């Protein structure tokens, strides 16, 4: 079985981060513009799903650091970028729940 390269792993992590941010921001923006209340449970479900997927990718990065310590800096930078989505998601959730 062929293993993934460090470049492929970091690309997947960056794409996952980007799409999570874009989709979450689109849901948040749509809710803010329309106040369509059924979007709240959809958004919460999205947050849980995105959290699970991103956690799996994040843990994969950390495991790859253990297996390939020579690429530690590249992998850590990618992992830190992934963490930037957390405060954004919490801010979106806080804003929405305080508007209800």
PDB file of N, CA and C in Angstrom:
ATOM      1  N   UNK A   1       0.844  -1.170   0.000  1.00  0.00           N
ATOM      2  CA  UNK A   1       0.000   0.000   0.000  1.00  0.00           C
ATOM      3  C   UNK A   1       0.900   1.249   0.000  1.00  0.00           C
ATOM      4  N   UNK A   2       0.572   2.189  -0.824  1.00  0.00           N
ATOM      5  CA  UNK A   2       1.344   3.420  -0.929  1.00  0.00           C
ATOM      6  C   UNK A   2       0.924   4.390   0.170  1.00  0.00           C
ATOM      7  N   UNK A   3       1.901   5.004   0.830  1.00  0.00           N
ATOM      8  CA  UNK A   3       1.595   5.964   1.892  1.00  0.00           C
ATOM      9  C   UNK A   3       1.492   7.367   1.313  1.00  0.00           C
ATOM     10  N   UNK A   4       0.817   8.213   2.046  1.00  0.00           N
ATOM     11  CA  UNK A   4       0.649   9.604   1.615  1.00  0.00           C
ATOM     12  C   UNK A   4       1.932  10.384   1.902  1.00  0.00           C
ATOM     13  N   UNK A   5       2.215  11.345   1.065  1.00  0.00           N
ATOM     14  CA  UNK A   5       3.365  12.204   1.297  1.00  0.00           C
ATOM     15  C   UNK A   5       2.981  13.304   2.284  1.00  0.00           C
ATOM     16  N   UNK A   6       3.990  13.929   2.827  1.00  0.00           N
ATOM     17  CA  UNK A   6       3.761  15.035   3.762  1.00  0.00           C
ATOM     18  C   UNK A   6       2.984  16.149   3.056  1.00  0.00           C
ATOM     19  N   UNK A   7       3.324  16.396   1.807  1.00  0.00           N
ATOM     20  CA  UNK A   7       2.637  17.431   1.029  1.00  0.00           C
ATOM     21  C   UNK A   7       1.151  17.106   0.870  1.00  0.00           C
ATOM     22  N   UNK A   8       0.829  15.846   0.620  1.00  0.00           N
ATOM     23  CA  UNK A   8      -0.569  15.448   0.469  1.00  0.00           C
ATOM     24  C   UNK A   8      -1.333  15.613   1.776  1.00  0.00           C
ATOM     25  N   UNK A   9      -0.703  15.238   2.889  1.00  0.00           N
ATOM     26  CA  UNK A   9      -1.360  15.355   4.201  1.00  0.00           C
ATOM     27  C   UNK A   9      -1.622  16.815   4.541  1.00  0.00           C
ATOM     28  N   UNK A  10      -0.630  17.671   4.322  1.00  0.00           N
ATOM     29  CA  UNK A  10      -0.833  19.089   4.636  1.00  0.00           C
ATOM     30  C   UNK A  10      -1.848  19.721   3.685  1.00  0.00           C
ATOM     31  N   UNK A  11      -1.876  19.297   2.444  1.00  0.00           N
ATOM     32  CA  UNK A  11      -2.861  19.814   1.489  1.00  0.00           C
ATOM     33  C   UNK A  11      -4.273  19.435   1.927  1.00  0.00           C
ATOM     34  N   UNK A  12      -4.462  18.186   2.330  1.00  0.00           N
ATOM     35  CA  UNK A  12      -5.780  17.751   2.803  1.00  0.00           C
ATOM     36  C   UNK A  12      -6.200  18.563   4.022  1.00  0.00           C
ATOM     37  N   UNK A  13      -5.283  18.769   4.950  1.00  0.00           N
ATOM     38  CA  UNK A  13      -5.594  19.534   6.162  1.00  0.00           C
ATOM     39  C   UNK A  13      -5.963  20.976   5.831  1.00  0.00           C
ATOM     40  N   UNK A  14      -5.213  21.589   4.930  1.00  0.00           N
ATOM     41  CA  UNK A  14      -5.500  22.976   4.553  1.00  0.00           C
ATOM     42  C   UNK A  14      -6.839  23.094   3.821  1.00  0.00           C
ATOM     43  N   UNK A  15      -7.132  22.138   2.950  1.00  0.00           N
ATOM     44  CA  UNK A  15      -8.416  22.143   2.237  1.00  0.00           C
ATOM     45  C   UNK A  15      -9.573  21.933   3.213  1.00  0.00           C
ATOM     46  N   UNK A  16      -9.402  21.023   4.130  1.00  0.00           N
ATOM     47  CA  UNK A  16     -10.427  20.767   5.142  1.00  0.00           C
ATOM     48  C   UNK A  16     -10.681  22.032   5.961  1.00  0.00           C
ATOM     49  N   UNK A  17      -9.618  22.703   6.338  1.00  0.00           N
ATOM     50  CA  UNK A  17      -9.732  23.947   7.099  1.00  0.00           C
ATOM     51  C   UNK A  17     -10.455  25.017   6.280  1.00  0.00           C
ATOM     52  N   UNK A  18     -10.064  25.160   5.047  1.00  0.00           N
ATOM     53  CA  UNK A  18     -10.658  26.182   4.182  1.00  0.00           C
ATOM     54  C   UNK A  18     -12.147  25.929   3.965  1.00  0.00           C
ATOM     55  N   UNK A  19     -12.494  24.697   3.618  1.00  0.00           N
ATOM     56  CA  UNK A  19     -13.909  24.393   3.353  1.00  0.00           C
ATOM     57  C   UNK A  19     -14.759  24.475   4.616  1.00  0.00           C
ATOM     58  N   UNK A  20     -14.201  24.098   5.754  1.00  0.00           N
ATOM     59  CA  UNK A  20     -14.934  24.232   7.018  1.00  0.00           C
ATOM     60  C   UNK A  20     -15.226  25.702   7.305  1.00  0.00           C
ATOM     61  N   UNK A  21     -14.217  26.552   7.095  1.00  0.00           N
ATOM     62  CA  UNK A  21     -14.398  27.983   7.347  1.00  0.00           C
ATOM     63  C   UNK A  21     -15.427  28.585   6.391  1.00  0.00           C
ATOM     64  N   UNK A  22     -15.299  28.273   5.121  1.00  0.00           N
ATOM     65  CA  UNK A  22     -16.203  28.842   4.117  1.00  0.00           C
ATOM     66  C   UNK A  22     -17.641  28.387   4.354  1.00  0.00           C
ATOM     67  N   UNK A  23     -17.837  27.098   4.591  1.00  0.00           N
ATOM     68  CA  UNK A  23     -19.196  26.584   4.806  1.00  0.00           C
ATOM     69  C   UNK A  23     -19.795  27.149   6.090  1.00  0.00           C
ATOM     70  N   UNK A  24     -19.020  27.187   7.163  1.00  0.00           N
ATOM     71  CA  UNK A  24     -19.505  27.746   8.426  1.00  0.00           C
ATOM     72  C   UNK A  24     -19.826  29.225   8.299  1.00  0.00           C
ATOM     73  N   UNK A  25     -18.973  29.956   7.608  1.00  0.00           N
ATOM     74  CA  UNK A  25     -19.207  31.390   7.410  1.00  0.00           C
ATOM     75  C   UNK A  25     -20.433  31.640   6.546  1.00  0.00           C
ATOM     76  N   UNK A  26     -20.635  30.792   5.539  1.00  0.00           N
ATOM     77  CA  UNK A  26     -21.816  30.943   4.682  1.00  0.00           C
ATOM     78  C   UNK A  26     -23.099  30.695   5.475  1.00  0.00           C
ATOM     79  N   UNK A  27     -23.108  29.657   6.298  1.00  0.00           N
ATOM     80  CA  UNK A  27     -24.276  29.394   7.149  1.00  0.00           C
ATOM     81  C   UNK A  27     -24.529  30.564   8.096  1.00  0.00           C
ATOM     82  N   UNK A  28     -23.463  31.053   8.715  1.00  0.00           N
ATOM     83  CA  UNK A  28     -23.580  32.178   9.645  1.00  0.00           C
ATOM     84  C   UNK A  28     -24.103  33.425   8.935  1.00  0.00           C
ATOM     85  N   UNK A  29     -23.548  33.740   7.806  1.00  0.00           N
ATOM     86  CA  UNK A  29     -23.969  34.925   7.059  1.00  0.00           C
ATOM     87  C   UNK A  29     -25.422  34.808   6.611  1.00  0.00           C
ATOM     88  N   UNK A  30     -25.784  33.632   6.108  1.00  0.00           N
ATOM     89  CA  UNK A  30     -27.160  33.423   5.669  1.00  0.00           C
ATOM     90  C   UNK A  30     -28.128  33.580   6.842  1.00  0.00           C
ATOM     91  N   UNK A  31     -27.753  33.036   8.016  1.00  0.00           N
ATOM     92  CA  UNK A  31     -28.613  33.192   9.189  1.00  0.00           C
ATOM     93  C   UNK A  31     -28.720  34.671   9.587  1.00  0.00           C
ATOM     94  N   UNK A  32     -27.597  35.369   9.603  1.00  0.00           N
ATOM     95  CA  UNK A  32     -27.605  36.785  10.002  1.00  0.00           C
ATOM     96  C   UNK A  32     -28.452  37.631   9.054  1.00  0.00           C
ATOM     97  N   UNK A  33     -28.433  37.305   7.787  1.00  0.00           N
ATOM     98  CA  UNK A  33     -29.202  38.079   6.810  1.00  0.00           C
ATOM     99  C   UNK A  33     -30.688  37.743   6.831  1.00  0.00           C
ATOM    100  N   UNK A  34     -31.039  36.501   7.136  1.00  0.00           N
ATOM    101  CA  UNK A  34     -32.437  36.077   7.027  1.00  0.00           C
ATOM    102  C   UNK A  34     -33.124  35.849   8.369  1.00  0.00           C
ATOM    103  N   UNK A  35     -32.348  35.604   9.420  1.00  0.00           N
ATOM    104  CA  UNK A  35     -32.891  35.225  10.736  1.00  0.00           C
ATOM    105  C   UNK A  35     -33.799  33.998  10.624  1.00  0.00           C
ATOM    106  N   UNK A  36     -33.504  33.125   9.682  1.00  0.00           N
ATOM    107  CA  UNK A  36     -34.274  31.913   9.431  1.00  0.00           C
ATOM    108  C   UNK A  36     -33.944  30.908  10.534  1.00  0.00           C
ATOM    109  N   UNK A  37     -34.799  30.815  11.546  1.00  0.00           N
ATOM    110  CA  UNK A  37     -34.493  30.055  12.764  1.00  0.00           C
ATOM    111  C   UNK A  37     -34.197  28.565  12.551  1.00  0.00           C
ATOM    112  N   UNK A  38     -34.777  27.890  11.540  1.00  0.00           N
ATOM    113  CA  UNK A  38     -34.376  26.485  11.345  1.00  0.00           C
ATOM    114  C   UNK A  38     -32.884  26.304  11.023  1.00  0.00           C
ATOM    115  N   UNK A  39     -32.204  27.376  10.681  1.00  0.00           N
ATOM    116  CA  UNK A  39     -30.763  27.262  10.419  1.00  0.00           C
ATOM    117  C   UNK A  39     -29.951  27.051  11.690  1.00  0.00           C
ATOM    118  N   UNK A  40     -30.513  27.385  12.841  1.00  0.00           N
ATOM    119  CA  UNK A  40     -29.758  27.232  14.090  1.00  0.00           C
ATOM    120  C   UNK A  40     -29.424  25.764  14.349  1.00  0.00           C
ATOM    121  N   UNK A  41     -30.399  24.847  14.338  1.00  0.00           N
ATOM    122  CA  UNK A  41     -30.009  23.447  14.540  1.00  0.00           C
ATOM    123  C   UNK A  41     -29.129  22.905  13.407  1.00  0.00           C
ATOM    124  N   UNK A  42     -29.346  23.387  12.193  1.00  0.00           N
ATOM    125  CA  UNK A  42     -28.492  22.973  11.073  1.00  0.00           C
ATOM    126  C   UNK A  42     -27.051  23.428  11.341  1.00  0.00           C
ATOM    127  N   UNK A  43     -26.909  24.648  11.820  1.00  0.00           N
ATOM    128  CA  UNK A  43     -25.584  25.167  12.139  1.00  0.00           C
ATOM    129  C   UNK A  43     -24.912  24.398  13.261  1.00  0.00           C
ATOM    130  N   UNK A  44     -25.676  24.038  14.277  1.00  0.00           N
ATOM    131  CA  UNK A  44     -25.113  23.257  15.381  1.00  0.00           C
ATOM    132  C   UNK A  44     -24.696  21.868  14.909  1.00  0.00           C
ATOM    133  N   UNK A  45     -25.503  21.265  14.069  1.00  0.00           N
ATOM    134  CA  UNK A  45     -25.149  19.970  13.488  1.00  0.00           C
ATOM    135  C   UNK A  45     -23.888  20.103  12.633  1.00  0.00           C
ATOM    136  N   UNK A  46     -23.816  21.179  11.861  1.00  0.00           N
ATOM    137  CA  UNK A  46     -22.639  21.422  11.034  1.00  0.00           C
ATOM    138  C   UNK A  46     -21.388  21.572  11.914  1.00  0.00           C
ATOM    139  N   UNK A  47     -21.515  22.305  13.013  1.00  0.00           N
ATOM    140  CA  UNK A  47     -20.368  22.496  13.911  1.00  0.00           C
ATOM    141  C   UNK A  47     -19.888  21.153  14.447  1.00  0.00           C
ATOM    142  N   UNK A  48     -20.820  20.293  14.855  1.00  0.00           N
ATOM    143  CA  UNK A  48     -20.431  18.978  15.382  1.00  0.00           C
ATOM    144  C   UNK A  48     -19.747  18.129  14.311  1.00  0.00           C
ATOM    145  N   UNK A  49     -20.316  18.128  13.100  1.00  0.00           N
ATOM    146  CA  UNK A  49     -19.746  17.352  12.003  1.00  0.00           C
ATOM    147  C   UNK A  49     -18.363  17.885  11.622  1.00  0.00           C
ATOM    148  N   UNK A  50     -18.251  19.193  11.494  1.00  0.00           N
ATOM    149  CA  UNK A  50     -16.965  19.802  11.133  1.00  0.00           C
ATOM    150  C   UNK A  50     -15.929  19.547  12.227  1.00  0.00           C
ATOM    151  N   UNK A  51     -16.366  19.576  13.485  1.00  0.00           N
ATOM    152  CA  UNK A  51     -15.455  19.313  14.593  1.00  0.00           C
ATOM    153  C   UNK A  51     -14.896  17.898  14.513  1.00  0.00           C
ATOM    154  N   UNK A  52     -15.741  16.927  14.246  1.00  0.00           N
ATOM    155  CA  UNK A  52     -15.291  15.532  14.154  1.00  0.00           C
ATOM    156  C   UNK A  52     -14.319  15.365  12.983  1.00  0.00           C
ATOM    157  N   UNK A  53     -14.693  15.878  11.826  1.00  0.00           N
ATOM    158  CA  UNK A  53     -13.833  15.730  10.640  1.00  0.00           C
ATOM    159  C   UNK A  53     -12.492  16.426  10.853  1.00  0.00           C
ATOM    160  N   UNK A  54     -12.541  17.667  11.345  1.00  0.00           N
ATOM    161  CA  UNK A  54     -11.301  18.405  11.561  1.00  0.00           C
ATOM    162  C   UNK A  54     -10.453  17.771  12.654  1.00  0.00           C
ATOM    163  N   UNK A  55     -11.099  17.191  13.668  1.00  0.00           N
ATOM    164  CA  UNK A  55     -10.347  16.524  14.725  1.00  0.00           C
ATOM    165  C   UNK A  55      -9.606  15.306  14.181  1.00  0.00           C
ATOM    166  N   UNK A  56     -10.245  14.558  13.311  1.00  0.00           N
ATOM    167  CA  UNK A  56      -9.587  13.399  12.689  1.00  0.00           C
ATOM    168  C   UNK A  56      -8.377  13.849  11.871  1.00  0.00           C
ATOM    169  N   UNK A  57      -8.549  14.897  11.089  1.00  0.00           N
ATOM    170  CA  UNK A  57      -7.430  15.406  10.270  1.00  0.00           C
ATOM    171  C   UNK A  57      -6.325  15.957  11.172  1.00  0.00           C
ATOM    172  N   UNK A  58      -6.713  16.691  12.219  1.00  0.00           N
ATOM    173  CA  UNK A  58      -5.741  17.263  13.158  1.00  0.00           C
ATOM    174  C   UNK A  58      -4.931  16.151  13.838  1.00  0.00           C
ATOM    175  N   UNK A  59      -5.619  15.117  14.302  1.00  0.00           N
ATOM    176  CA  UNK A  59      -4.923  13.998  14.937  1.00  0.00           C
ATOM    177  C   UNK A  59      -4.012  13.279  13.947  1.00  0.00           C
ATOM    178  N   UNK A  60      -4.441  13.213  12.697  1.00  0.00           N
ATOM    179  CA  UNK A  60      -3.587  12.625  11.664  1.00  0.00           C
ATOM    180  C   UNK A  60      -2.292  13.418  11.506  1.00  0.00           C
ATOM    181  N   UNK A  61      -2.400  14.733  11.576  1.00  0.00           N
ATOM    182  CA  UNK A  61      -1.192  15.568  11.515  1.00  0.00           C
ATOM    183  C   UNK A  61      -0.276  15.276  12.699  1.00  0.00           C
ATOM    184  N   UNK A  62      -0.864  15.183  13.885  1.00  0.00           N
ATOM    185  CA  UNK A  62      -0.051  14.932  15.077  1.00  0.00           C
ATOM    186  C   UNK A  62       0.619  13.555  15.023  1.00  0.00           C
ATOM    187  N   UNK A  63      -0.095  12.571  14.546  1.00  0.00           N
ATOM    188  CA  UNK A  63       0.491  11.225  14.392  1.00  0.00           C
ATOM    189  C   UNK A  63       1.616  11.253  13.358  1.00  0.00           C
ATOM    190  N   UNK A  64       1.403  11.996  12.290  1.00  0.00           N
ATOM    191  CA  UNK A  64       2.440  12.104  11.254  1.00  0.00           C
ATOM    192  C   UNK A  64       3.690  12.778  11.818  1.00  0.00           C
ATOM    193  N   UNK A  65       3.514  13.721  12.737  1.00  0.00           N
ATOM    194  CA  UNK A  65       4.673  14.360  13.380  1.00  0.00           C
ATOM    195  C   UNK A  65       5.485  13.314  14.149  1.00  0.00           C
ATOM    196  N   UNK A  66       4.781  12.405  14.816  1.00  0.00           N
ATOM    197  CA  UNK A  66       5.471  11.356  15.577  1.00  0.00           C
ATOM    198  C   UNK A  66       6.218  10.410  14.629  1.00  0.00           C
ATOM    199  N   UNK A  67       5.582  10.068  13.522  1.00  0.00           N
ATOM    200  CA  UNK A  67       6.168   9.123  12.576  1.00  0.00           C
ATOM    201  C   UNK A  67       7.285   9.767  11.749  1.00  0.00           C
ATOM    202  N   UNK A  68       7.108  11.047  11.408  1.00  0.00           N
ATOM    203  CA  UNK A  68       8.082  11.766  10.569  1.00  0.00           C
ATOM    204  C   UNK A  68       8.511  13.061  11.268  1.00  0.00           C
ATOM    205  N   UNK A  69       9.295  12.954  12.330  1.00  0.00           N
ATOM    206  CA  UNK A  69       9.688  14.160  13.077  1.00  0.00           C
ATOM    207  C   UNK A  69      10.517  15.151  12.257  1.00  0.00           C
ATOM    208  N   UNK A  70      11.098  14.689  11.170  1.00  0.00           N
ATOM    209  CA  UNK A  70      11.885  15.603  10.331  1.00  0.00           C
ATOM    210  C   UNK A  70      11.008  16.640   9.637  1.00  0.00           C
ATOM    211  N   UNK A  71       9.709  16.412   9.595  1.00  0.00           N
ATOM    212  CA  UNK A  71       8.770  17.355   8.979  1.00  0.00           C
ATOM    213  C   UNK A  71       7.907  18.058  10.034  1.00  0.00           C
ATOM    214  N   UNK A  72       8.412  18.072  11.245  1.00  0.00           N
ATOM    215  CA  UNK A  72       7.657  18.601  12.380  1.00  0.00           C
ATOM    216  C   UNK A  72       7.187  20.033  12.160  1.00  0.00           C
ATOM    217  N   UNK A  73       8.065  20.913  11.708  1.00  0.00           N
ATOM    218  CA  UNK A  73       7.701  22.325  11.566  1.00  0.00           C
ATOM    219  C   UNK A  73       6.580  22.527  10.557  1.00  0.00           C
ATOM    220  N   UNK A  74       6.680  21.892   9.415  1.00  0.00           N
ATOM    221  CA  UNK A  74       5.635  22.008   8.386  1.00  0.00           C
ATOM    222  C   UNK A  74       4.303  21.501   8.906  1.00  0.00           C
ATOM    223  N   UNK A  75       4.322  20.354   9.556  1.00  0.00           N
ATOM    224  CA  UNK A  75       3.089  19.755  10.062  1.00  0.00           C
ATOM    225  C   UNK A  75       2.495  20.573  11.203  1.00  0.00           C
ATOM    226  N   UNK A  76       3.350  21.093  12.080  1.00  0.00           N
ATOM    227  CA  UNK A  76       2.854  21.929  13.184  1.00  0.00           C
ATOM    228  C   UNK A  76       2.228  23.223  12.684  1.00  0.00           C
ATOM    229  N   UNK A  77       2.840  23.830  11.682  1.00  0.00           N
ATOM    230  CA  UNK A  77       2.267  25.051  11.106  1.00  0.00           C
ATOM    231  C   UNK A  77       0.870  24.779  10.557  1.00  0.00           C
ATOM    232  N   UNK A  78       0.728  23.656   9.872  1.00  0.00           N
ATOM    233  CA  UNK A  78      -0.578  23.301   9.321  1.00  0.00           C
ATOM    234  C   UNK A  78      -1.577  23.035  10.439  1.00  0.00           C
ATOM    235  N   UNK A  79      -1.143  22.362  11.498  1.00  0.00           N
ATOM    236  CA  UNK A  79      -2.024  22.085  12.640  1.00  0.00           C
ATOM    237  C   UNK A  79      -2.477  23.377  13.311  1.00  0.00           C
ATOM    238  N   UNK A  80      -1.573  24.332  13.448  1.00  0.00           N
ATOM    239  CA  UNK A  80      -1.926  25.616  14.067  1.00  0.00           C
ATOM    240  C   UNK A  80      -2.940  26.366  13.200  1.00  0.00           C
ATOM    241  N   UNK A  81      -2.758  26.324  11.888  1.00  0.00           N
ATOM    242  CA  UNK A  81      -3.725  26.967  10.988  1.00  0.00           C
ATOM    243  C   UNK A  81      -5.105  26.343  11.174  1.00  0.00           C
ATOM    244  N   UNK A  82      -5.150  25.035  11.354  1.00  0.00           N
ATOM    245  CA  UNK A  82      -6.436  24.369  11.578  1.00  0.00           C
ATOM    246  C   UNK A  82      -7.110  24.885  12.846  1.00  0.00           C
ATOM    247  N   UNK A  83      -6.324  25.187  13.864  1.00  0.00           N
ATOM    248  CA  UNK A  83      -6.881  25.642  15.138  1.00  0.00           C
ATOM    249  C   UNK A  83      -7.520  27.026  15.045  1.00  0.00           C
ATOM    250  N   UNK A  84      -7.177  27.803  14.029  1.00  0.00           N
ATOM    251  CA  UNK A  84      -7.764  29.136  13.872  1.00  0.00           C
ATOM    252  C   UNK A  84      -9.274  29.077  13.645  1.00  0.00           C
ATOM    253  N   UNK A  85      -9.783  27.960  13.163  1.00  0.00           N
ATOM    254  CA  UNK A  85     -11.227  27.830  12.951  1.00  0.00           C
ATOM    255  C   UNK A  85     -12.009  27.751  14.265  1.00  0.00           C
ATOM    256  N   UNK A  86     -11.380  27.288  15.320  1.00  0.00           N
ATOM    257  CA  UNK A  86     -12.091  27.136  16.591  1.00  0.00           C
ATOM    258  C   UNK A  86     -12.631  28.450  17.143  1.00  0.00           C
ATOM    259  N   UNK A  87     -11.814  29.494  17.295  1.00  0.00           N
ATOM    260  CA  UNK A  87     -12.389  30.738  17.832  1.00  0.00           C
ATOM    261  C   UNK A  87     -13.434  31.356  16.899  1.00  0.00           C
ATOM    262  N   UNK A  88     -13.267  31.162  15.610  1.00  0.00           N
ATOM    263  CA  UNK A  88     -14.260  31.678  14.657  1.00  0.00           C
ATOM    264  C   UNK A  88     -15.589  30.962  14.869  1.00  0.00           C
ATOM    265  N   UNK A  89     -15.554  29.642  14.980  1.00  0.00           N
ATOM    266  CA  UNK A  89     -16.784  28.869  15.190  1.00  0.00           C
ATOM    267  C   UNK A  89     -17.440  29.239  16.514  1.00  0.00           C
ATOM    268  N   UNK A  90     -16.654  29.386  17.565  1.00  0.00           N
ATOM    269  CA  UNK A  90     -17.219  29.775  18.860  1.00  0.00           C
ATOM    270  C   UNK A  90     -17.810  31.182  18.810  1.00  0.00           C
ATOM    271  N   UNK A  91     -17.163  32.087  18.100  1.00  0.00           N
ATOM    272  CA  UNK A  91     -17.702  33.444  17.968  1.00  0.00           C
ATOM    273  C   UNK A  91     -19.027  33.425  17.211  1.00  0.00           C
ATOM    274  N   UNK A  92     -19.086  32.681  16.117  1.00  0.00           N
ATOM    275  CA  UNK A  92     -20.333  32.567  15.362  1.00  0.00           C
ATOM    276  C   UNK A  92     -21.442  31.991  16.246  1.00  0.00           C
ATOM    277  N   UNK A  93     -21.112  30.935  16.977  1.00  0.00           N
ATOM    278  CA  UNK A  93     -22.097  30.286  17.830  1.00  0.00           C
ATOM    279  C   UNK A  93     -22.561  31.239  18.934  1.00  0.00           C
ATOM    280  N   UNK A  94     -21.639  31.973  19.523  1.00  0.00           N
ATOM    281  CA  UNK A  94     -21.972  32.923  20.583  1.00  0.00           C
ATOM    282  C   UNK A  94     -22.889  34.023  20.052  1.00  0.00           C
ATOM    283  N   UNK A  95     -22.566  34.558  18.889  1.00  0.00           N
ATOM    284  CA  UNK A  95     -23.392  35.622  18.299  1.00  0.00           C
ATOM    285  C   UNK A  95     -24.802  35.116  18.018  1.00  0.00           C
ATOM    286  N   UNK A  96     -24.911  33.943  17.416  1.00  0.00           N
ATOM    287  CA  UNK A  96     -26.222  33.396  17.076  1.00  0.00           C
ATOM    288  C   UNK A  96     -27.043  33.104  18.319  1.00  0.00           C
ATOM    289  N   UNK A  97     -26.436  32.457  19.312  1.00  0.00           N
ATOM    290  CA  UNK A  97     -27.199  32.093  20.504  1.00  0.00           C
ATOM    291  C   UNK A  97     -27.579  33.313  21.340  1.00  0.00           C
ATOM    292  N   UNK A  98     -26.828  34.374  21.249  1.00  0.00           N
ATOM    293  CA  UNK A  98     -27.195  35.593  21.979  1.00  0.00           C
ATOM    294  C   UNK A  98     -28.245  36.412  21.251  1.00  0.00           C
ATOM    295  N   UNK A  99     -28.514  36.094  19.994  1.00  0.00           N
ATOM    296  CA  UNK A  99     -29.558  36.783  19.242  1.00  0.00           C
ATOM    297  C   UNK A  99     -30.916  36.106  19.392  1.00  0.00           C
ATOM    298  N   UNK A 100     -30.924  34.873  19.919  1.00  0.00           N
ATOM    299  CA  UNK A 100     -32.185  34.130  20.033  1.00  0.00           C
ATOM    300  C   UNK A 100     -33.056  34.689  21.142  1.00  0.00           C
TER     301      UNK A 100
END
